[in-house]
């Protein structure tokens, strides 16, 4: 009876450890002028704040293994949402500065933003060459979030 009780306890503890696994993600955040960004909020599941960058744009967060999407948010910048690859533990992000677009349609604003968004991989490589980033290629995919929504007929 005692062996059965001990084996049940060991089984329960081992399964709870398996479900509670976390991974550590570290990296750096810069803007599209390759300037470091302090105090950028890091959010998972669209609502849970898990950390923020330091004065030099560096961060280190502890997130569950099941999380595949991380958002970086700050005032004056477009939010950057990245989808993680399985083996990705070094996330270095280039965020776009947001602007005020007066007297321009949202469709035109999205075209201007998309033009900047397409330059982000090139800027990532440039940051690597200048020694700002540790990797020359991002280990994640970044999503473009459009302001303009087509009306379905």
C-alpha atoms as a PDB file:
ATOM      1  CA  UNK A   1       0.000   0.000   0.000  1.00  0.00           C
ATOM      2  CA  UNK A   2       2.844   2.360   0.843  1.00  0.00           C
ATOM      3  CA  UNK A   3       4.523   1.723  -2.539  1.00  0.00           C
ATOM      4  CA  UNK A   4       1.248   2.499  -4.311  1.00  0.00           C
ATOM      5  CA  UNK A   5       0.895   5.778  -2.419  1.00  0.00           C
ATOM      6  CA  UNK A   6       4.482   6.806  -3.171  1.00  0.00           C
ATOM      7  CA  UNK A   7       4.129   5.939  -6.853  1.00  0.00           C
ATOM      8  CA  UNK A   8       0.893   7.995  -7.077  1.00  0.00           C
ATOM      9  CA  UNK A   9       2.592  11.005  -5.484  1.00  0.00           C
ATOM     10  CA  UNK A  10       5.583  10.722  -7.823  1.00  0.00           C
ATOM     11  CA  UNK A  11       3.286  10.411 -10.845  1.00  0.00           C
ATOM     12  CA  UNK A  12       1.231  13.471  -9.837  1.00  0.00           C
ATOM     13  CA  UNK A  13       4.303  15.611  -9.189  1.00  0.00           C
ATOM     14  CA  UNK A  14       5.998  14.598 -12.455  1.00  0.00           C
ATOM     15  CA  UNK A  15       2.907  15.369 -14.577  1.00  0.00           C
ATOM     16  CA  UNK A  16       2.448  18.756 -12.918  1.00  0.00           C
ATOM     17  CA  UNK A  17       6.079  19.596 -13.671  1.00  0.00           C
ATOM     18  CA  UNK A  18       5.564  18.673 -17.321  1.00  0.00           C
ATOM     19  CA  UNK A  19       2.597  21.025 -17.676  1.00  0.00           C
ATOM     20  CA  UNK A  20       4.305  23.891 -15.854  1.00  0.00           C
ATOM     21  CA  UNK A  21       7.318  24.186 -18.143  1.00  0.00           C
ATOM     22  CA  UNK A  22       8.497  27.686 -18.971  1.00  0.00           C
ATOM     23  CA  UNK A  23      11.133  29.029 -21.296  1.00  0.00           C
ATOM     24  CA  UNK A  24      13.296  32.107 -21.021  1.00  0.00           C
ATOM     25  CA  UNK A  25      13.230  34.546 -23.938  1.00  0.00           C
ATOM     26  CA  UNK A  26      15.774  37.328 -24.089  1.00  0.00           C
ATOM     27  CA  UNK A  27      16.585  39.942 -26.659  1.00  0.00           C
ATOM     28  CA  UNK A  28      16.615  43.596 -27.588  1.00  0.00           C
ATOM     29  CA  UNK A  29      14.186  46.119 -29.066  1.00  0.00           C
ATOM     30  CA  UNK A  30      15.168  49.031 -31.324  1.00  0.00           C
ATOM     31  CA  UNK A  31      13.232  51.416 -33.551  1.00  0.00           C
ATOM     32  CA  UNK A  32      13.596  51.788 -37.320  1.00  0.00           C
ATOM     33  CA  UNK A  33      16.394  54.339 -36.793  1.00  0.00           C
ATOM     34  CA  UNK A  34      18.315  51.634 -34.850  1.00  0.00           C
ATOM     35  CA  UNK A  35      17.961  53.576 -31.588  1.00  0.00           C
ATOM     36  CA  UNK A  36      17.367  51.488 -28.453  1.00  0.00           C
ATOM     37  CA  UNK A  37      13.898  51.622 -26.942  1.00  0.00           C
ATOM     38  CA  UNK A  38      13.569  51.747 -23.143  1.00  0.00           C
ATOM     39  CA  UNK A  39      10.442  50.667 -21.246  1.00  0.00           C
ATOM     40  CA  UNK A  40       8.663  48.859 -24.081  1.00  0.00           C
ATOM     41  CA  UNK A  41       5.906  46.675 -22.602  1.00  0.00           C
ATOM     42  CA  UNK A  42       5.990  42.970 -23.479  1.00  0.00           C
ATOM     43  CA  UNK A  43       2.575  41.294 -23.596  1.00  0.00           C
ATOM     44  CA  UNK A  44       1.396  37.717 -24.207  1.00  0.00           C
ATOM     45  CA  UNK A  45      -2.165  36.538 -24.948  1.00  0.00           C
ATOM     46  CA  UNK A  46      -3.122  40.162 -25.789  1.00  0.00           C
ATOM     47  CA  UNK A  47      -3.594  41.045 -22.090  1.00  0.00           C
ATOM     48  CA  UNK A  48      -0.887  39.633 -19.815  1.00  0.00           C
ATOM     49  CA  UNK A  49       2.100  41.939 -19.303  1.00  0.00           C
ATOM     50  CA  UNK A  50       5.164  39.777 -18.715  1.00  0.00           C
ATOM     51  CA  UNK A  51       7.906  42.395 -18.681  1.00  0.00           C
ATOM     52  CA  UNK A  52       9.475  45.457 -20.227  1.00  0.00           C
ATOM     53  CA  UNK A  53      12.783  46.487 -21.699  1.00  0.00           C
ATOM     54  CA  UNK A  54      15.488  48.204 -19.672  1.00  0.00           C
ATOM     55  CA  UNK A  55      17.157  51.542 -20.501  1.00  0.00           C
ATOM     56  CA  UNK A  56      19.266  49.927 -23.245  1.00  0.00           C
ATOM     57  CA  UNK A  57      16.352  48.072 -24.854  1.00  0.00           C
ATOM     58  CA  UNK A  58      17.313  44.645 -23.456  1.00  0.00           C
ATOM     59  CA  UNK A  59      14.785  42.278 -21.909  1.00  0.00           C
ATOM     60  CA  UNK A  60      14.538  38.808 -20.400  1.00  0.00           C
ATOM     61  CA  UNK A  61      11.135  37.206 -19.808  1.00  0.00           C
ATOM     62  CA  UNK A  62       9.951  33.857 -18.506  1.00  0.00           C
ATOM     63  CA  UNK A  63       6.909  32.602 -20.468  1.00  0.00           C
ATOM     64  CA  UNK A  64       5.066  29.274 -20.770  1.00  0.00           C
ATOM     65  CA  UNK A  65       6.228  26.961 -23.555  1.00  0.00           C
ATOM     66  CA  UNK A  66       2.726  27.057 -25.063  1.00  0.00           C
ATOM     67  CA  UNK A  67       2.963  30.798 -25.865  1.00  0.00           C
ATOM     68  CA  UNK A  68       3.684  31.342 -29.547  1.00  0.00           C
ATOM     69  CA  UNK A  69       2.882  35.053 -29.920  1.00  0.00           C
ATOM     70  CA  UNK A  70       4.497  38.025 -28.159  1.00  0.00           C
ATOM     71  CA  UNK A  71       3.520  41.682 -28.576  1.00  0.00           C
ATOM     72  CA  UNK A  72       5.750  44.692 -27.959  1.00  0.00           C
ATOM     73  CA  UNK A  73       3.922  47.948 -27.230  1.00  0.00           C
ATOM     74  CA  UNK A  74       5.010  51.506 -26.499  1.00  0.00           C
ATOM     75  CA  UNK A  75       3.743  55.043 -26.911  1.00  0.00           C
ATOM     76  CA  UNK A  76       4.668  56.549 -30.274  1.00  0.00           C
ATOM     77  CA  UNK A  77       5.393  53.172 -31.888  1.00  0.00           C
ATOM     78  CA  UNK A  78       3.278  50.738 -33.868  1.00  0.00           C
ATOM     79  CA  UNK A  79       2.751  47.571 -31.833  1.00  0.00           C
ATOM     80  CA  UNK A  80       4.975  44.722 -33.026  1.00  0.00           C
ATOM     81  CA  UNK A  81       3.501  41.226 -32.827  1.00  0.00           C
ATOM     82  CA  UNK A  82       5.893  38.343 -33.421  1.00  0.00           C
ATOM     83  CA  UNK A  83       5.076  34.650 -33.859  1.00  0.00           C
ATOM     84  CA  UNK A  84       7.796  32.490 -32.302  1.00  0.00           C
ATOM     85  CA  UNK A  85       9.399  29.458 -33.916  1.00  0.00           C
ATOM     86  CA  UNK A  86       9.907  26.396 -31.659  1.00  0.00           C
ATOM     87  CA  UNK A  87      13.652  26.855 -31.053  1.00  0.00           C
ATOM     88  CA  UNK A  88      13.524  30.657 -30.779  1.00  0.00           C
ATOM     89  CA  UNK A  89      14.970  31.993 -27.509  1.00  0.00           C
ATOM     90  CA  UNK A  90      16.719  35.164 -28.766  1.00  0.00           C
ATOM     91  CA  UNK A  91      14.154  37.717 -30.002  1.00  0.00           C
ATOM     92  CA  UNK A  92      15.533  40.929 -31.471  1.00  0.00           C
ATOM     93  CA  UNK A  93      12.819  43.260 -32.738  1.00  0.00           C
ATOM     94  CA  UNK A  94      12.824  46.386 -34.894  1.00  0.00           C
ATOM     95  CA  UNK A  95       9.710  48.463 -34.178  1.00  0.00           C
ATOM     96  CA  UNK A  96       8.235  51.068 -36.518  1.00  0.00           C
ATOM     97  CA  UNK A  97       7.662  54.621 -35.357  1.00  0.00           C
ATOM     98  CA  UNK A  98       4.023  55.606 -35.672  1.00  0.00           C
ATOM     99  CA  UNK A  99       3.095  58.900 -37.174  1.00  0.00           C
ATOM    100  CA  UNK A 100       0.142  61.188 -37.509  1.00  0.00           C
ATOM    101  CA  UNK A 101      -1.351  61.110 -40.958  1.00  0.00           C
ATOM    102  CA  UNK A 102      -3.641  64.076 -41.542  1.00  0.00           C
ATOM    103  CA  UNK A 103      -5.902  64.236 -44.583  1.00  0.00           C
ATOM    104  CA  UNK A 104      -4.851  60.797 -45.878  1.00  0.00           C
ATOM    105  CA  UNK A 105      -7.146  57.802 -46.223  1.00  0.00           C
ATOM    106  CA  UNK A 106      -6.481  54.712 -44.128  1.00  0.00           C
ATOM    107  CA  UNK A 107      -5.758  52.766 -47.304  1.00  0.00           C
ATOM    108  CA  UNK A 108      -2.965  55.202 -48.193  1.00  0.00           C
ATOM    109  CA  UNK A 109      -1.639  55.132 -44.608  1.00  0.00           C
ATOM    110  CA  UNK A 110      -1.413  51.335 -44.781  1.00  0.00           C
ATOM    111  CA  UNK A 111       0.546  51.572 -48.040  1.00  0.00           C
ATOM    112  CA  UNK A 112       3.056  53.911 -46.376  1.00  0.00           C
ATOM    113  CA  UNK A 113       3.301  51.690 -43.293  1.00  0.00           C
ATOM    114  CA  UNK A 114       3.712  48.550 -45.429  1.00  0.00           C
ATOM    115  CA  UNK A 115       6.597  50.203 -47.257  1.00  0.00           C
ATOM    116  CA  UNK A 116       8.391  50.663 -43.925  1.00  0.00           C
ATOM    117  CA  UNK A 117       7.359  47.180 -42.734  1.00  0.00           C
ATOM    118  CA  UNK A 118       9.025  45.561 -45.752  1.00  0.00           C
ATOM    119  CA  UNK A 119      12.334  47.224 -44.796  1.00  0.00           C
ATOM    120  CA  UNK A 120      12.413  45.595 -41.335  1.00  0.00           C
ATOM    121  CA  UNK A 121      14.445  42.474 -42.347  1.00  0.00           C
ATOM    122  CA  UNK A 122      17.040  44.738 -43.979  1.00  0.00           C
ATOM    123  CA  UNK A 123      17.160  46.896 -40.846  1.00  0.00           C
ATOM    124  CA  UNK A 124      17.586  43.760 -38.720  1.00  0.00           C
ATOM    125  CA  UNK A 125      20.608  42.739 -40.761  1.00  0.00           C
ATOM    126  CA  UNK A 126      22.008  46.282 -40.571  1.00  0.00           C
ATOM    127  CA  UNK A 127      21.630  46.220 -36.765  1.00  0.00           C
ATOM    128  CA  UNK A 128      23.579  42.935 -36.719  1.00  0.00           C
ATOM    129  CA  UNK A 129      26.366  44.451 -38.823  1.00  0.00           C
ATOM    130  CA  UNK A 130      26.614  47.431 -36.446  1.00  0.00           C
ATOM    131  CA  UNK A 131      26.807  45.099 -33.427  1.00  0.00           C
ATOM    132  CA  UNK A 132      23.399  46.023 -31.992  1.00  0.00           C
ATOM    133  CA  UNK A 133      21.871  42.561 -32.551  1.00  0.00           C
ATOM    134  CA  UNK A 134      23.471  39.150 -31.978  1.00  0.00           C
ATOM    135  CA  UNK A 135      21.799  37.389 -34.932  1.00  0.00           C
ATOM    136  CA  UNK A 136      21.707  38.417 -38.581  1.00  0.00           C
ATOM    137  CA  UNK A 137      18.268  36.924 -39.222  1.00  0.00           C
ATOM    138  CA  UNK A 138      15.121  36.948 -37.083  1.00  0.00           C
ATOM    139  CA  UNK A 139      13.974  33.589 -35.672  1.00  0.00           C
ATOM    140  CA  UNK A 140      10.326  34.662 -35.748  1.00  0.00           C
ATOM    141  CA  UNK A 141       7.732  35.948 -38.173  1.00  0.00           C
ATOM    142  CA  UNK A 142       6.295  39.401 -37.683  1.00  0.00           C
ATOM    143  CA  UNK A 143       2.716  40.245 -38.579  1.00  0.00           C
ATOM    144  CA  UNK A 144       1.588  43.463 -40.255  1.00  0.00           C
ATOM    145  CA  UNK A 145      -1.519  44.859 -38.564  1.00  0.00           C
ATOM    146  CA  UNK A 146      -3.587  46.882 -41.002  1.00  0.00           C
ATOM    147  CA  UNK A 147      -5.608  49.971 -40.097  1.00  0.00           C
ATOM    148  CA  UNK A 148      -7.752  49.690 -43.217  1.00  0.00           C
ATOM    149  CA  UNK A 149     -10.476  47.054 -43.361  1.00  0.00           C
ATOM    150  CA  UNK A 150     -12.250  46.323 -46.637  1.00  0.00           C
ATOM    151  CA  UNK A 151     -16.035  46.328 -46.426  1.00  0.00           C
ATOM    152  CA  UNK A 152     -17.481  42.985 -47.523  1.00  0.00           C
ATOM    153  CA  UNK A 153     -20.401  43.260 -49.963  1.00  0.00           C
END
